[in-house]
Each structure stands twice: as structure tokens, then as C-alpha cells.
Amino acid sequence: MVQKVQASDFYFTPNLTQDTILFQQYLSIDDHCEYNSSVLWVHRENATLSRYDSGKKFMAQLLLQDFNSTYLLAFSMDDENKRGLSFYANKPEATPEQLEGFREALECKGMDKSEIMYTDWKKDQCEPLRRQHQLERKKEPDSSPGPPAGGHSSEPPSP
């Protein structure tokens, strides 16, 4: 079953000494908010990010665009049934130029514009939870980034 994501936003908290990123995501699905938090591992040599979930490794390739405020994450590009390309901008509404850059990248990767699923920031259901997390982070005595309350960190399996 495919869930319809109406709005989505996330925050990256990089740890440059460990090449990790704390990833915090808020998804508005129907009339509720879903929150996910996990650690992403940065692989500088091939511009990929990885995450472990239930012992399984998930990879995404980071694709930068000409615009400083947008980027793409490519998933499973070798598998036509699982592939995906996500577009991210630093503001809720992308400019026409940014969207055109995304459409061009989509076409370049062999995907069709009909596969695009749009989100609508006006349908955001996560503002109360986002505000709660911000207040909790301000109260924390240690300012080092860590999973906020309600989140979880995924660790890679032991070798």
C-alpha cells in the first residue's frame, strides 16, 4: 500500500568528525504526523549516504544542482521498479527554475514526469510536534546533536 505524503520536511545535523548526519524527518500523511530520526553515514568517495534499518542497508546518491538551495537524492537507480529521485529545496515552494532543473534530471535518469508526486506545505500536520522538539532541544543541558525525544538512531550491524 502506498501512503500519500501530503507534506514533508527534514533537518540535517552534520557531524563532520564522524562523517555522519542526524536526519530528522516530519511527514504529514492524511490527518496525522509521522516523525523519523536516524543516523546517515556519509561516503565522500562516491557522494552517497547510507542508513541502516532493521539490519538492512539503504543507499542514496547525492546529486547537486546548479542552484545552491536545491539538491537531489537518487535511490536504486539500477532497479526500474524501486528507483526514485527526490527533490529538496530550502523553502516550502520551489521556483519554476528549480522545478525545471528537477524535471530535466528526472528525464536524464530515464524517468517520466508522470511519476512525480508533489507535496503541499499548506497540508502540514507536524507543526505542533516540530515545535515540541525545538523546545526540548533548547532545554537540553548538552548542546551536542543527538536524537531528539521520540526519535531513534540506527546503528550499522557489527562486522
N, C-alpha and C. Protein backbone atom coordinates (compact mmCIF):
# COMPACT_ATOMS: atom_id res chain seq x y z
N MET A 1 0.84 -1.18 0.00
CA MET A 1 0.00 0.00 0.00
C MET A 1 0.88 1.25 0.00
N VAL A 2 0.63 2.15 -0.90
CA VAL A 2 1.39 3.39 -0.98
C VAL A 2 0.68 4.44 -0.13
N GLN A 3 1.45 5.06 0.76
CA GLN A 3 0.89 6.11 1.58
C GLN A 3 1.04 7.43 0.85
N LYS A 4 0.06 8.27 0.97
CA LYS A 4 0.13 9.58 0.33
C LYS A 4 0.73 10.59 1.29
N VAL A 5 1.92 11.03 0.97
CA VAL A 5 2.59 12.05 1.76
C VAL A 5 2.10 13.40 1.26
N GLN A 6 1.49 14.17 2.16
CA GLN A 6 0.97 15.48 1.77
C GLN A 6 1.99 16.59 1.94
N ALA A 7 2.84 16.45 2.95
CA ALA A 7 3.90 17.44 3.19
C ALA A 7 5.05 16.71 3.87
N SER A 8 6.25 17.21 3.65
CA SER A 8 7.42 16.59 4.25
C SER A 8 8.49 17.65 4.46
N ASP A 9 9.14 17.59 5.60
CA ASP A 9 10.32 18.42 5.79
C ASP A 9 11.28 17.68 6.70
N PHE A 10 12.52 18.09 6.68
CA PHE A 10 13.52 17.40 7.47
C PHE A 10 14.64 18.35 7.84
N TYR A 11 15.45 17.89 8.77
CA TYR A 11 16.60 18.65 9.24
C TYR A 11 17.81 17.74 9.23
N PHE A 12 18.93 18.28 8.80
CA PHE A 12 20.22 17.59 8.85
C PHE A 12 21.06 18.24 9.94
N THR A 13 21.66 17.42 10.80
CA THR A 13 22.64 17.90 11.78
C THR A 13 23.92 17.13 11.51
N PRO A 14 24.88 17.75 10.79
CA PRO A 14 26.10 17.03 10.42
C PRO A 14 27.08 16.90 11.58
N ASN A 15 27.80 15.78 11.59
CA ASN A 15 28.92 15.56 12.50
C ASN A 15 30.12 15.31 11.58
N LEU A 16 30.89 16.36 11.34
CA LEU A 16 31.97 16.29 10.35
C LEU A 16 33.11 15.39 10.79
N THR A 17 33.33 15.23 12.09
CA THR A 17 34.44 14.38 12.54
C THR A 17 34.13 12.90 12.38
N GLN A 18 32.85 12.54 12.40
CA GLN A 18 32.48 11.13 12.26
C GLN A 18 31.86 10.82 10.90
N ASP A 19 31.75 11.81 10.02
CA ASP A 19 31.10 11.63 8.72
C ASP A 19 29.71 11.02 8.86
N THR A 20 28.94 11.58 9.77
CA THR A 20 27.55 11.16 9.95
C THR A 20 26.66 12.39 9.94
N ILE A 21 25.38 12.15 9.72
CA ILE A 21 24.37 13.21 9.74
C ILE A 21 23.19 12.68 10.54
N LEU A 22 22.74 13.46 11.52
CA LEU A 22 21.49 13.14 12.19
C LEU A 22 20.38 13.64 11.28
N PHE A 23 19.52 12.74 10.85
CA PHE A 23 18.43 13.03 9.91
C PHE A 23 17.13 12.98 10.69
N GLN A 24 16.40 14.09 10.70
CA GLN A 24 15.11 14.16 11.38
C GLN A 24 14.05 14.55 10.35
N GLN A 25 13.04 13.71 10.19
CA GLN A 25 12.05 13.91 9.13
C GLN A 25 10.64 13.96 9.71
N TYR A 26 9.85 14.89 9.21
CA TYR A 26 8.45 15.04 9.58
C TYR A 26 7.62 14.82 8.33
N LEU A 27 6.71 13.85 8.38
CA LEU A 27 5.85 13.52 7.24
C LEU A 27 4.39 13.73 7.62
N SER A 28 3.66 14.50 6.83
CA SER A 28 2.22 14.65 7.01
C SER A 28 1.54 13.66 6.07
N ILE A 29 0.86 12.69 6.67
CA ILE A 29 0.16 11.66 5.90
C ILE A 29 -1.29 11.67 6.36
N ASP A 30 -2.19 11.96 5.44
CA ASP A 30 -3.60 12.13 5.76
C ASP A 30 -3.75 13.17 6.86
N ASP A 31 -4.33 12.79 8.00
CA ASP A 31 -4.59 13.77 9.05
C ASP A 31 -3.64 13.65 10.23
N HIS A 32 -2.47 13.03 10.03
CA HIS A 32 -1.54 12.88 11.15
C HIS A 32 -0.09 13.11 10.72
N CYS A 33 0.76 13.20 11.74
CA CYS A 33 2.19 13.45 11.52
C CYS A 33 2.98 12.20 11.89
N GLU A 34 3.94 11.85 11.07
CA GLU A 34 4.87 10.78 11.40
C GLU A 34 6.26 11.37 11.47
N TYR A 35 6.99 11.00 12.52
CA TYR A 35 8.33 11.53 12.75
C TYR A 35 9.33 10.39 12.70
N ASN A 36 10.43 10.60 11.99
CA ASN A 36 11.50 9.61 11.91
C ASN A 36 12.82 10.31 12.19
N SER A 37 13.68 9.62 12.91
CA SER A 37 15.02 10.12 13.17
C SER A 37 15.99 8.97 12.99
N SER A 38 17.06 9.22 12.26
CA SER A 38 18.07 8.18 12.08
C SER A 38 19.41 8.83 11.77
N VAL A 39 20.44 8.02 11.83
CA VAL A 39 21.79 8.48 11.51
C VAL A 39 22.11 8.06 10.08
N LEU A 40 22.61 9.00 9.30
CA LEU A 40 23.07 8.72 7.94
C LEU A 40 24.59 8.73 7.94
N TRP A 41 25.18 7.77 7.25
CA TRP A 41 26.63 7.73 7.11
C TRP A 41 26.99 8.35 5.78
N VAL A 42 27.98 9.24 5.79
CA VAL A 42 28.42 9.95 4.60
C VAL A 42 29.61 9.21 3.99
N HIS A 43 29.53 8.90 2.71
CA HIS A 43 30.61 8.24 1.98
C HIS A 43 31.10 9.25 0.94
N ARG A 44 32.12 10.00 1.33
CA ARG A 44 32.61 11.10 0.49
C ARG A 44 33.17 10.61 -0.84
N GLU A 45 33.76 9.42 -0.85
CA GLU A 45 34.43 8.94 -2.05
C GLU A 45 33.49 8.73 -3.23
N ASN A 46 32.20 8.47 -2.96
CA ASN A 46 31.26 8.27 -4.07
C ASN A 46 29.97 9.09 -3.93
N ALA A 47 30.00 10.10 -3.07
CA ALA A 47 28.88 11.03 -2.88
C ALA A 47 27.57 10.30 -2.55
N THR A 48 27.67 9.32 -1.65
CA THR A 48 26.46 8.61 -1.23
C THR A 48 26.24 8.76 0.27
N LEU A 49 25.00 8.52 0.66
CA LEU A 49 24.60 8.46 2.06
C LEU A 49 24.03 7.08 2.29
N SER A 50 24.25 6.52 3.48
CA SER A 50 23.65 5.22 3.79
C SER A 50 22.99 5.28 5.15
N ARG A 51 22.03 4.39 5.32
CA ARG A 51 21.27 4.29 6.56
C ARG A 51 20.96 2.82 6.79
N TYR A 52 20.97 2.42 8.04
CA TYR A 52 20.62 1.05 8.39
C TYR A 52 19.27 1.05 9.08
N ASP A 53 18.42 0.12 8.67
CA ASP A 53 17.11 -0.04 9.28
C ASP A 53 16.81 -1.53 9.36
N SER A 54 16.61 -2.01 10.56
CA SER A 54 16.33 -3.44 10.80
C SER A 54 17.40 -4.32 10.16
N GLY A 55 18.66 -3.90 10.27
CA GLY A 55 19.78 -4.69 9.76
C GLY A 55 20.00 -4.60 8.27
N LYS A 56 19.19 -3.82 7.57
CA LYS A 56 19.32 -3.69 6.12
C LYS A 56 19.88 -2.30 5.78
N LYS A 57 20.80 -2.28 4.82
CA LYS A 57 21.45 -1.04 4.41
C LYS A 57 20.69 -0.40 3.24
N PHE A 58 20.41 0.89 3.37
CA PHE A 58 19.77 1.66 2.31
C PHE A 58 20.74 2.75 1.86
N MET A 59 20.85 2.94 0.55
CA MET A 59 21.81 3.90 -0.02
C MET A 59 21.07 4.95 -0.86
N ALA A 60 21.64 6.14 -0.89
CA ALA A 60 21.16 7.21 -1.76
C ALA A 60 22.37 7.97 -2.28
N GLN A 61 22.30 8.35 -3.54
CA GLN A 61 23.38 9.15 -4.12
C GLN A 61 22.96 10.61 -4.10
N LEU A 62 23.86 11.46 -3.62
CA LEU A 62 23.61 12.90 -3.56
C LEU A 62 23.96 13.53 -4.90
N LEU A 63 22.99 14.21 -5.50
CA LEU A 63 23.19 14.88 -6.78
C LEU A 63 22.95 16.37 -6.57
N LEU A 64 23.97 17.16 -6.76
CA LEU A 64 23.83 18.61 -6.59
C LEU A 64 23.35 19.24 -7.88
N GLN A 65 22.55 20.28 -7.74
CA GLN A 65 22.06 21.01 -8.91
C GLN A 65 22.81 22.33 -9.04
N ASP A 66 22.53 23.05 -10.10
CA ASP A 66 23.16 24.35 -10.32
C ASP A 66 22.72 25.38 -9.28
N PHE A 67 21.56 25.15 -8.69
CA PHE A 67 21.04 26.07 -7.67
C PHE A 67 21.65 25.70 -6.33
N ASN A 68 22.16 26.67 -5.59
CA ASN A 68 22.76 26.39 -4.29
C ASN A 68 21.75 25.90 -3.27
N SER A 69 20.50 26.22 -3.45
CA SER A 69 19.49 25.91 -2.44
C SER A 69 18.69 24.64 -2.73
N THR A 70 19.12 23.83 -3.69
CA THR A 70 18.42 22.59 -4.00
C THR A 70 19.41 21.45 -4.23
N TYR A 71 18.93 20.24 -4.00
CA TYR A 71 19.72 19.06 -4.34
C TYR A 71 18.77 17.89 -4.54
N LEU A 72 19.31 16.80 -5.05
CA LEU A 72 18.53 15.60 -5.33
C LEU A 72 19.16 14.42 -4.62
N LEU A 73 18.32 13.47 -4.23
CA LEU A 73 18.79 12.18 -3.74
C LEU A 73 18.24 11.12 -4.68
N ALA A 74 19.12 10.29 -5.22
CA ALA A 74 18.74 9.23 -6.14
C ALA A 74 18.80 7.89 -5.41
N PHE A 75 17.75 7.10 -5.55
CA PHE A 75 17.64 5.81 -4.88
C PHE A 75 17.48 4.69 -5.90
N SER A 76 18.20 3.60 -5.73
CA SER A 76 18.02 2.37 -6.52
C SER A 76 17.88 2.63 -8.01
N MET A 77 18.74 3.44 -8.57
CA MET A 77 18.60 3.81 -9.98
C MET A 77 18.79 2.64 -10.94
N ASP A 78 19.41 1.55 -10.49
CA ASP A 78 19.60 0.38 -11.35
C ASP A 78 18.37 -0.53 -11.39
N ASP A 79 17.40 -0.30 -10.51
CA ASP A 79 16.22 -1.14 -10.42
C ASP A 79 14.99 -0.32 -10.82
N GLU A 80 14.47 -0.59 -12.01
CA GLU A 80 13.37 0.21 -12.55
C GLU A 80 12.13 0.19 -11.66
N ASN A 81 11.92 -0.88 -10.89
CA ASN A 81 10.74 -0.97 -10.03
C ASN A 81 10.90 -0.24 -8.70
N LYS A 82 12.14 0.00 -8.28
CA LYS A 82 12.38 0.62 -6.97
C LYS A 82 13.00 2.01 -7.06
N ARG A 83 13.41 2.41 -8.23
CA ARG A 83 14.17 3.66 -8.35
C ARG A 83 13.32 4.87 -7.95
N GLY A 84 14.03 5.88 -7.49
CA GLY A 84 13.36 7.11 -7.10
C GLY A 84 14.33 8.27 -7.12
N LEU A 85 13.80 9.43 -7.34
CA LEU A 85 14.59 10.65 -7.35
C LEU A 85 13.82 11.68 -6.54
N SER A 86 14.42 12.15 -5.46
CA SER A 86 13.76 13.11 -4.58
C SER A 86 14.40 14.48 -4.75
N PHE A 87 13.57 15.49 -4.81
CA PHE A 87 14.00 16.87 -4.97
C PHE A 87 13.80 17.60 -3.65
N TYR A 88 14.81 18.33 -3.23
CA TYR A 88 14.74 19.07 -1.97
C TYR A 88 15.15 20.51 -2.20
N ALA A 89 14.36 21.43 -1.66
CA ALA A 89 14.66 22.86 -1.73
C ALA A 89 14.68 23.42 -0.31
N ASN A 90 15.30 24.57 -0.15
CA ASN A 90 15.41 25.13 1.19
C ASN A 90 14.18 25.94 1.60
N LYS A 91 13.18 26.00 0.74
CA LYS A 91 11.94 26.71 1.04
C LYS A 91 10.77 25.81 0.66
N PRO A 92 9.60 26.00 1.30
CA PRO A 92 8.45 25.14 1.00
C PRO A 92 8.01 25.14 -0.45
N GLU A 93 8.16 26.26 -1.14
CA GLU A 93 7.74 26.33 -2.54
C GLU A 93 8.95 26.58 -3.43
N ALA A 94 9.20 25.67 -4.33
CA ALA A 94 10.33 25.80 -5.25
C ALA A 94 9.98 26.78 -6.36
N THR A 95 11.02 27.39 -6.90
CA THR A 95 10.82 28.31 -8.03
C THR A 95 10.59 27.50 -9.31
N PRO A 96 10.00 28.12 -10.32
CA PRO A 96 9.83 27.41 -11.60
C PRO A 96 11.16 26.92 -12.16
N GLU A 97 12.23 27.69 -11.98
CA GLU A 97 13.55 27.29 -12.48
C GLU A 97 14.06 26.05 -11.75
N GLN A 98 13.85 26.01 -10.43
CA GLN A 98 14.28 24.84 -9.65
C GLN A 98 13.51 23.60 -10.07
N LEU A 99 12.20 23.74 -10.26
CA LEU A 99 11.38 22.60 -10.69
C LEU A 99 11.78 22.12 -12.08
N GLU A 100 12.10 23.04 -12.96
CA GLU A 100 12.53 22.65 -14.31
C GLU A 100 13.84 21.88 -14.24
N GLY A 101 14.76 22.31 -13.36
CA GLY A 101 16.01 21.57 -13.16
C GLY A 101 15.75 20.15 -12.68
N PHE A 102 14.76 19.98 -11.80
CA PHE A 102 14.38 18.65 -11.32
C PHE A 102 13.81 17.81 -12.46
N ARG A 103 12.94 18.40 -13.25
CA ARG A 103 12.34 17.66 -14.37
C ARG A 103 13.41 17.21 -15.37
N GLU A 104 14.39 18.07 -15.61
CA GLU A 104 15.49 17.70 -16.51
C GLU A 104 16.30 16.54 -15.94
N ALA A 105 16.58 16.58 -14.64
CA ALA A 105 17.33 15.49 -14.00
C ALA A 105 16.53 14.19 -14.06
N LEU A 106 15.23 14.29 -13.86
CA LEU A 106 14.35 13.12 -13.91
C LEU A 106 14.43 12.48 -15.30
N GLU A 107 14.34 13.29 -16.32
CA GLU A 107 14.41 12.81 -17.69
C GLU A 107 15.78 12.21 -17.99
N CYS A 108 16.83 12.85 -17.50
CA CYS A 108 18.20 12.36 -17.70
C CYS A 108 18.40 10.98 -17.08
N LYS A 109 17.70 10.71 -15.98
CA LYS A 109 17.80 9.42 -15.30
C LYS A 109 16.84 8.38 -15.88
N GLY A 110 16.14 8.73 -16.96
CA GLY A 110 15.26 7.78 -17.63
C GLY A 110 13.90 7.63 -16.98
N MET A 111 13.51 8.60 -16.20
CA MET A 111 12.20 8.54 -15.54
C MET A 111 11.24 9.49 -16.25
N ASP A 112 9.95 9.26 -16.05
CA ASP A 112 8.93 10.05 -16.72
C ASP A 112 8.34 11.09 -15.76
N LYS A 113 7.97 12.24 -16.31
CA LYS A 113 7.37 13.30 -15.49
C LYS A 113 6.07 12.85 -14.82
N SER A 114 5.41 11.86 -15.39
CA SER A 114 4.16 11.37 -14.80
C SER A 114 4.40 10.64 -13.48
N GLU A 115 5.65 10.31 -13.18
CA GLU A 115 5.98 9.64 -11.93
C GLU A 115 6.17 10.61 -10.76
N ILE A 116 6.12 11.90 -11.02
CA ILE A 116 6.33 12.90 -9.97
C ILE A 116 5.13 12.93 -9.02
N MET A 117 5.43 12.92 -7.73
CA MET A 117 4.42 13.11 -6.70
C MET A 117 4.75 14.41 -5.98
N TYR A 118 3.82 15.35 -5.98
CA TYR A 118 4.04 16.65 -5.37
C TYR A 118 3.51 16.66 -3.94
N THR A 119 4.14 17.47 -3.09
CA THR A 119 3.64 17.68 -1.74
C THR A 119 3.18 19.13 -1.62
N ASP A 120 2.36 19.39 -0.61
CA ASP A 120 1.78 20.71 -0.41
C ASP A 120 2.03 21.15 1.02
N TRP A 121 2.91 22.12 1.19
CA TRP A 121 3.29 22.59 2.52
C TRP A 121 2.07 23.06 3.32
N LYS A 122 1.03 23.52 2.66
CA LYS A 122 -0.16 24.01 3.36
C LYS A 122 -0.90 22.88 4.07
N LYS A 123 -0.59 21.64 3.74
CA LYS A 123 -1.25 20.49 4.38
C LYS A 123 -0.40 19.90 5.51
N ASP A 124 0.57 20.66 5.98
CA ASP A 124 1.46 20.22 7.06
C ASP A 124 0.67 19.93 8.34
N GLN A 125 0.86 18.74 8.91
CA GLN A 125 0.23 18.34 10.16
C GLN A 125 1.24 18.26 11.30
N CYS A 126 2.49 18.61 11.05
CA CYS A 126 3.57 18.34 12.01
C CYS A 126 4.03 19.54 12.82
N GLU A 127 3.47 20.70 12.60
CA GLU A 127 3.95 21.89 13.30
C GLU A 127 3.94 21.72 14.83
N PRO A 128 2.89 21.18 15.46
CA PRO A 128 2.92 21.02 16.92
C PRO A 128 4.08 20.13 17.40
N LEU A 129 4.32 19.02 16.72
CA LEU A 129 5.42 18.13 17.12
C LEU A 129 6.77 18.78 16.86
N ARG A 130 6.91 19.47 15.74
CA ARG A 130 8.15 20.17 15.42
C ARG A 130 8.47 21.21 16.50
N ARG A 131 7.45 21.97 16.91
CA ARG A 131 7.62 22.98 17.96
C ARG A 131 8.02 22.32 19.28
N GLN A 132 7.38 21.20 19.62
CA GLN A 132 7.71 20.46 20.85
C GLN A 132 9.18 20.02 20.83
N HIS A 133 9.64 19.49 19.72
CA HIS A 133 11.04 19.05 19.61
C HIS A 133 12.00 20.22 19.74
N GLN A 134 11.65 21.36 19.16
CA GLN A 134 12.51 22.54 19.27
C GLN A 134 12.63 22.99 20.73
N LEU A 135 11.52 22.98 21.46
CA LEU A 135 11.55 23.36 22.87
C LEU A 135 12.38 22.38 23.69
N GLU A 136 12.25 21.09 23.41
CA GLU A 136 13.03 20.07 24.13
C GLU A 136 14.52 20.23 23.87
N ARG A 137 14.89 20.54 22.64
CA ARG A 137 16.31 20.73 22.33
C ARG A 137 16.88 21.95 23.06
N LYS A 138 16.09 22.99 23.21
CA LYS A 138 16.54 24.19 23.92
C LYS A 138 16.77 23.91 25.40
N LYS A 139 16.01 22.97 25.97
CA LYS A 139 16.12 22.64 27.39
C LYS A 139 17.27 21.69 27.70
N GLU A 140 17.80 21.01 26.68
CA GLU A 140 18.87 20.04 26.90
C GLU A 140 20.13 20.74 27.38
N PRO A 141 20.75 20.25 28.50
CA PRO A 141 21.96 20.89 29.01
C PRO A 141 23.15 20.71 28.08
N ASP A 142 23.25 19.57 27.42
CA ASP A 142 24.34 19.30 26.49
C ASP A 142 23.88 19.72 25.10
N SER A 143 24.62 20.60 24.45
CA SER A 143 24.20 21.11 23.15
C SER A 143 24.66 20.25 21.98
N SER A 144 25.33 19.12 22.27
CA SER A 144 25.78 18.26 21.17
C SER A 144 24.58 17.61 20.50
N PRO A 145 24.61 17.50 19.16
CA PRO A 145 23.46 16.93 18.47
C PRO A 145 23.27 15.46 18.82
N GLY A 146 22.06 15.10 19.05
CA GLY A 146 21.69 13.72 19.34
C GLY A 146 20.24 13.54 18.95
N PRO A 147 19.76 12.33 18.99
CA PRO A 147 18.37 12.11 18.61
C PRO A 147 17.43 12.86 19.55
N PRO A 148 16.48 13.61 19.02
CA PRO A 148 15.53 14.29 19.88
C PRO A 148 14.56 13.29 20.49
N ALA A 149 13.85 13.72 21.51
CA ALA A 149 12.88 12.85 22.17
C ALA A 149 11.91 12.30 21.13
N GLY A 150 11.59 11.04 21.25
CA GLY A 150 10.66 10.42 20.33
C GLY A 150 11.32 9.82 19.10
N GLY A 151 12.59 10.08 18.90
CA GLY A 151 13.28 9.56 17.73
C GLY A 151 14.10 8.33 18.07
N HIS A 152 14.82 7.81 17.11
CA HIS A 152 15.70 6.68 17.34
C HIS A 152 16.91 6.80 16.42
N SER A 153 17.97 6.19 16.83
CA SER A 153 19.16 6.15 15.98
C SER A 153 19.35 4.73 15.50
N SER A 154 19.75 4.58 14.27
CA SER A 154 20.03 3.26 13.72
C SER A 154 21.53 3.08 13.67
N GLU A 155 22.00 1.98 14.16
CA GLU A 155 23.43 1.67 14.14
C GLU A 155 23.69 0.62 13.07
N PRO A 156 24.84 0.68 12.42
CA PRO A 156 25.14 -0.36 11.43
C PRO A 156 25.38 -1.69 12.13
N PRO A 157 25.11 -2.79 11.44
CA PRO A 157 25.36 -4.09 12.06
C PRO A 157 26.84 -4.29 12.32
N SER A 158 27.14 -5.04 13.35
CA SER A 158 28.55 -5.33 13.68
C SER A 158 29.14 -6.22 12.60
N PRO A 159 30.45 -5.99 12.28
CA PRO A 159 31.08 -6.82 11.23
C PRO A 159 31.24 -8.26 11.68
